[in-house]
N, C-alpha and C. Protein backbone atom coordinates (compact mmCIF):
# COMPACT_ATOMS: atom_id res chain seq x y z
N MET A 1 -70.49 -134.43 -21.73
CA MET A 1 -69.15 -134.92 -21.43
C MET A 1 -68.33 -133.83 -20.74
N ILE A 2 -68.44 -132.60 -21.18
CA ILE A 2 -67.70 -131.51 -20.56
C ILE A 2 -68.11 -131.36 -19.10
N GLU A 3 -69.40 -131.52 -18.84
CA GLU A 3 -69.89 -131.38 -17.46
C GLU A 3 -69.25 -132.41 -16.54
N LYS A 4 -69.09 -133.64 -17.01
CA LYS A 4 -68.47 -134.70 -16.20
C LYS A 4 -67.00 -134.38 -15.93
N MET A 5 -66.31 -133.85 -16.94
CA MET A 5 -64.90 -133.52 -16.77
C MET A 5 -64.72 -132.38 -15.78
N ILE A 6 -65.65 -131.42 -15.79
CA ILE A 6 -65.56 -130.30 -14.86
C ILE A 6 -65.73 -130.79 -13.43
N GLN A 7 -66.66 -131.72 -13.22
CA GLN A 7 -66.89 -132.25 -11.88
C GLN A 7 -65.68 -133.02 -11.36
N LYS A 8 -64.97 -133.72 -12.25
CA LYS A 8 -63.81 -134.51 -11.84
C LYS A 8 -62.58 -133.66 -11.56
N ALA A 9 -62.50 -132.50 -12.17
CA ALA A 9 -61.34 -131.64 -12.01
C ALA A 9 -61.31 -131.04 -10.61
N HIS A 10 -60.13 -131.02 -10.01
CA HIS A 10 -59.97 -130.49 -8.66
C HIS A 10 -59.26 -129.14 -8.67
N GLN A 11 -59.18 -128.53 -9.81
CA GLN A 11 -58.51 -127.24 -9.93
C GLN A 11 -59.31 -126.36 -10.88
N GLU A 12 -58.82 -125.17 -11.12
CA GLU A 12 -59.51 -124.27 -12.03
C GLU A 12 -59.62 -124.91 -13.41
N THR A 13 -60.80 -124.89 -13.96
CA THR A 13 -61.04 -125.47 -15.27
C THR A 13 -61.59 -124.39 -16.19
N TYR A 14 -60.98 -124.27 -17.35
CA TYR A 14 -61.44 -123.32 -18.35
C TYR A 14 -62.09 -124.09 -19.48
N VAL A 15 -63.23 -123.61 -19.91
CA VAL A 15 -63.92 -124.20 -21.04
C VAL A 15 -63.89 -123.18 -22.18
N VAL A 16 -63.34 -123.58 -23.30
CA VAL A 16 -63.22 -122.70 -24.46
C VAL A 16 -64.21 -123.19 -25.51
N THR A 17 -65.21 -122.39 -25.74
CA THR A 17 -66.21 -122.75 -26.74
C THR A 17 -66.93 -121.50 -27.22
N GLY A 18 -67.37 -121.54 -28.43
CA GLY A 18 -68.14 -120.43 -28.98
C GLY A 18 -69.63 -120.61 -28.75
N ASP A 19 -70.02 -121.78 -28.24
CA ASP A 19 -71.42 -122.08 -27.99
C ASP A 19 -71.84 -121.45 -26.66
N GLU A 20 -72.72 -120.47 -26.73
CA GLU A 20 -73.11 -119.73 -25.53
C GLU A 20 -73.81 -120.63 -24.51
N THR A 21 -74.63 -121.56 -24.98
CA THR A 21 -75.32 -122.48 -24.06
C THR A 21 -74.31 -123.33 -23.31
N GLU A 22 -73.33 -123.84 -24.02
CA GLU A 22 -72.29 -124.66 -23.38
C GLU A 22 -71.47 -123.83 -22.39
N GLN A 23 -71.22 -122.58 -22.72
CA GLN A 23 -70.51 -121.70 -21.79
C GLN A 23 -71.28 -121.55 -20.49
N TRP A 24 -72.57 -121.32 -20.57
CA TRP A 24 -73.37 -121.13 -19.36
C TRP A 24 -73.49 -122.40 -18.54
N VAL A 25 -73.58 -123.55 -19.21
CA VAL A 25 -73.62 -124.83 -18.49
C VAL A 25 -72.31 -125.03 -17.75
N ALA A 26 -71.19 -124.77 -18.42
CA ALA A 26 -69.88 -124.92 -17.79
C ALA A 26 -69.72 -123.95 -16.64
N PHE A 27 -70.17 -122.72 -16.83
CA PHE A 27 -70.09 -121.70 -15.78
C PHE A 27 -70.92 -122.12 -14.57
N GLY A 28 -72.07 -122.70 -14.82
CA GLY A 28 -72.93 -123.17 -13.73
C GLY A 28 -72.31 -124.32 -12.95
N ARG A 29 -71.43 -125.07 -13.58
CA ARG A 29 -70.75 -126.19 -12.91
C ARG A 29 -69.47 -125.77 -12.20
N GLY A 30 -69.14 -124.48 -12.28
CA GLY A 30 -67.97 -123.98 -11.56
C GLY A 30 -66.74 -123.76 -12.42
N ALA A 31 -66.87 -123.92 -13.72
CA ALA A 31 -65.72 -123.72 -14.61
C ALA A 31 -65.67 -122.26 -15.05
N TRP A 32 -64.51 -121.86 -15.45
CA TRP A 32 -64.34 -120.53 -16.04
C TRP A 32 -64.64 -120.68 -17.52
N ARG A 33 -65.29 -119.72 -18.09
CA ARG A 33 -65.60 -119.80 -19.51
C ARG A 33 -64.72 -118.81 -20.26
N MET A 34 -64.40 -119.19 -21.50
CA MET A 34 -63.53 -118.37 -22.31
C MET A 34 -63.94 -118.53 -23.76
N THR A 35 -64.02 -117.44 -24.47
CA THR A 35 -64.35 -117.52 -25.89
C THR A 35 -63.11 -117.93 -26.67
N PRO A 36 -63.29 -118.47 -27.86
CA PRO A 36 -62.12 -118.84 -28.67
C PRO A 36 -61.21 -117.65 -28.96
N GLN A 37 -61.79 -116.46 -29.12
CA GLN A 37 -60.97 -115.27 -29.37
C GLN A 37 -60.09 -114.95 -28.17
N GLU A 38 -60.64 -115.03 -26.97
CA GLU A 38 -59.85 -114.78 -25.75
C GLU A 38 -58.75 -115.81 -25.61
N PHE A 39 -59.08 -117.07 -25.89
CA PHE A 39 -58.09 -118.14 -25.80
C PHE A 39 -56.96 -117.91 -26.80
N TYR A 40 -57.31 -117.50 -28.02
CA TYR A 40 -56.30 -117.24 -29.04
C TYR A 40 -55.36 -116.12 -28.62
N LYS A 41 -55.93 -115.05 -28.05
CA LYS A 41 -55.09 -113.93 -27.59
C LYS A 41 -54.13 -114.39 -26.50
N GLU A 42 -54.63 -115.18 -25.55
CA GLU A 42 -53.76 -115.68 -24.47
C GLU A 42 -52.69 -116.61 -25.03
N LEU A 43 -53.05 -117.44 -25.98
CA LEU A 43 -52.09 -118.36 -26.59
C LEU A 43 -50.98 -117.61 -27.31
N VAL A 44 -51.35 -116.60 -28.09
CA VAL A 44 -50.35 -115.81 -28.81
C VAL A 44 -49.43 -115.09 -27.84
N THR A 45 -50.00 -114.53 -26.78
CA THR A 45 -49.20 -113.85 -25.77
C THR A 45 -48.22 -114.81 -25.11
N ALA A 46 -48.69 -116.00 -24.75
CA ALA A 46 -47.82 -116.99 -24.11
C ALA A 46 -46.71 -117.44 -25.05
N LEU A 47 -47.03 -117.63 -26.31
CA LEU A 47 -46.00 -118.03 -27.28
C LEU A 47 -44.96 -116.95 -27.47
N ASP A 48 -45.39 -115.69 -27.50
CA ASP A 48 -44.44 -114.57 -27.61
C ASP A 48 -43.52 -114.51 -26.40
N GLU A 49 -44.08 -114.72 -25.20
CA GLU A 49 -43.26 -114.71 -23.99
C GLU A 49 -42.26 -115.85 -24.01
N MET A 50 -42.67 -117.02 -24.52
CA MET A 50 -41.75 -118.15 -24.59
C MET A 50 -40.62 -117.88 -25.57
N LYS A 51 -40.93 -117.23 -26.69
CA LYS A 51 -39.89 -116.89 -27.67
C LYS A 51 -38.86 -115.95 -27.05
N ASP A 52 -39.35 -114.94 -26.30
CA ASP A 52 -38.43 -114.01 -25.66
C ASP A 52 -37.59 -114.70 -24.61
N TYR A 53 -38.19 -115.62 -23.86
CA TYR A 53 -37.47 -116.32 -22.80
C TYR A 53 -36.41 -117.24 -23.37
N ASN A 54 -36.73 -117.90 -24.47
CA ASN A 54 -35.82 -118.88 -25.05
C ASN A 54 -34.87 -118.30 -26.08
N LYS A 55 -34.87 -116.97 -26.20
CA LYS A 55 -34.02 -116.33 -27.21
C LYS A 55 -32.56 -116.73 -26.96
N GLU A 56 -31.93 -117.15 -28.02
CA GLU A 56 -30.54 -117.58 -27.93
C GLU A 56 -29.64 -116.37 -27.66
N THR A 57 -28.77 -116.50 -26.70
CA THR A 57 -27.85 -115.40 -26.41
C THR A 57 -26.75 -115.38 -27.46
N ALA A 58 -26.24 -114.21 -27.70
CA ALA A 58 -25.16 -114.07 -28.66
C ALA A 58 -23.92 -114.77 -28.13
N ILE A 59 -23.07 -115.20 -29.02
CA ILE A 59 -21.88 -115.95 -28.62
C ILE A 59 -21.01 -115.12 -27.69
N GLY A 60 -20.88 -113.82 -27.97
CA GLY A 60 -20.07 -112.95 -27.14
C GLY A 60 -20.60 -112.84 -25.72
N GLU A 61 -21.91 -112.97 -25.54
CA GLU A 61 -22.49 -112.84 -24.21
C GLU A 61 -22.30 -114.09 -23.37
N ARG A 62 -21.89 -115.17 -24.00
CA ARG A 62 -21.71 -116.42 -23.26
C ARG A 62 -20.45 -116.40 -22.38
N TYR A 63 -19.48 -115.62 -22.78
CA TYR A 63 -18.22 -115.59 -22.05
C TYR A 63 -18.23 -114.46 -21.03
N LEU A 64 -17.76 -114.76 -19.84
CA LEU A 64 -17.72 -113.78 -18.76
C LEU A 64 -16.89 -112.57 -19.15
N PHE A 65 -15.81 -112.80 -19.86
CA PHE A 65 -14.90 -111.71 -20.23
C PHE A 65 -15.65 -110.59 -20.95
N TYR A 66 -16.57 -110.93 -21.84
CA TYR A 66 -17.29 -109.93 -22.61
C TYR A 66 -18.40 -109.24 -21.82
N ARG A 67 -18.77 -109.81 -20.69
CA ARG A 67 -19.80 -109.19 -19.86
C ARG A 67 -19.21 -108.29 -18.77
N LEU A 68 -17.90 -108.29 -18.64
CA LEU A 68 -17.23 -107.46 -17.64
C LEU A 68 -17.15 -106.01 -18.11
N ASP A 69 -16.98 -105.13 -17.14
CA ASP A 69 -16.78 -103.72 -17.43
C ASP A 69 -15.48 -103.55 -18.23
N LEU A 70 -15.43 -102.57 -19.08
CA LEU A 70 -14.27 -102.36 -19.96
C LEU A 70 -12.99 -102.15 -19.16
N LYS A 71 -13.07 -101.41 -18.05
CA LYS A 71 -11.88 -101.18 -17.22
C LYS A 71 -11.36 -102.48 -16.63
N VAL A 72 -12.27 -103.31 -16.18
CA VAL A 72 -11.87 -104.60 -15.59
C VAL A 72 -11.26 -105.50 -16.67
N ARG A 73 -11.85 -105.49 -17.85
CA ARG A 73 -11.29 -106.28 -18.95
C ARG A 73 -9.87 -105.84 -19.29
N ASP A 74 -9.66 -104.52 -19.36
CA ASP A 74 -8.31 -104.01 -19.67
C ASP A 74 -7.32 -104.39 -18.59
N MET A 75 -7.73 -104.28 -17.33
CA MET A 75 -6.86 -104.64 -16.22
C MET A 75 -6.50 -106.13 -16.28
N LEU A 76 -7.48 -106.98 -16.51
CA LEU A 76 -7.21 -108.42 -16.59
C LEU A 76 -6.33 -108.75 -17.80
N GLU A 77 -6.54 -108.08 -18.90
CA GLU A 77 -5.73 -108.32 -20.09
C GLU A 77 -4.29 -107.90 -19.86
N ARG A 78 -4.05 -106.75 -19.22
CA ARG A 78 -2.68 -106.34 -18.88
C ARG A 78 -2.04 -107.33 -17.94
N TRP A 79 -2.80 -107.81 -16.96
CA TRP A 79 -2.28 -108.77 -15.98
C TRP A 79 -1.91 -110.07 -16.68
N ARG A 80 -2.75 -110.53 -17.62
CA ARG A 80 -2.49 -111.76 -18.35
C ARG A 80 -1.24 -111.64 -19.21
N ARG A 81 -1.03 -110.50 -19.84
CA ARG A 81 0.11 -110.32 -20.74
C ARG A 81 1.41 -110.08 -19.98
N SER A 82 1.35 -109.66 -18.74
CA SER A 82 2.56 -109.35 -17.98
C SER A 82 3.30 -110.61 -17.55
N LYS A 83 2.68 -111.73 -17.60
CA LYS A 83 3.35 -112.97 -17.14
C LYS A 83 4.08 -113.66 -18.25
């Protein structure tokens, strides 16, 4: 069944299996082979990258005022209070 799926795929196909015979059959059909350990490492790395990317910003960082330079903030605050 894996061999049929590899033939139908029009892009890079990775086969993850611990069975060495199945790995070589898949490799012979043009697929990339990957051990379960390699797949697990890639999965953990991808999940860690997603966590870092989706990290919630602090409430203070959401407002432009708090991301401005301190001198600019002071100047804007004086300007706001002068009116």
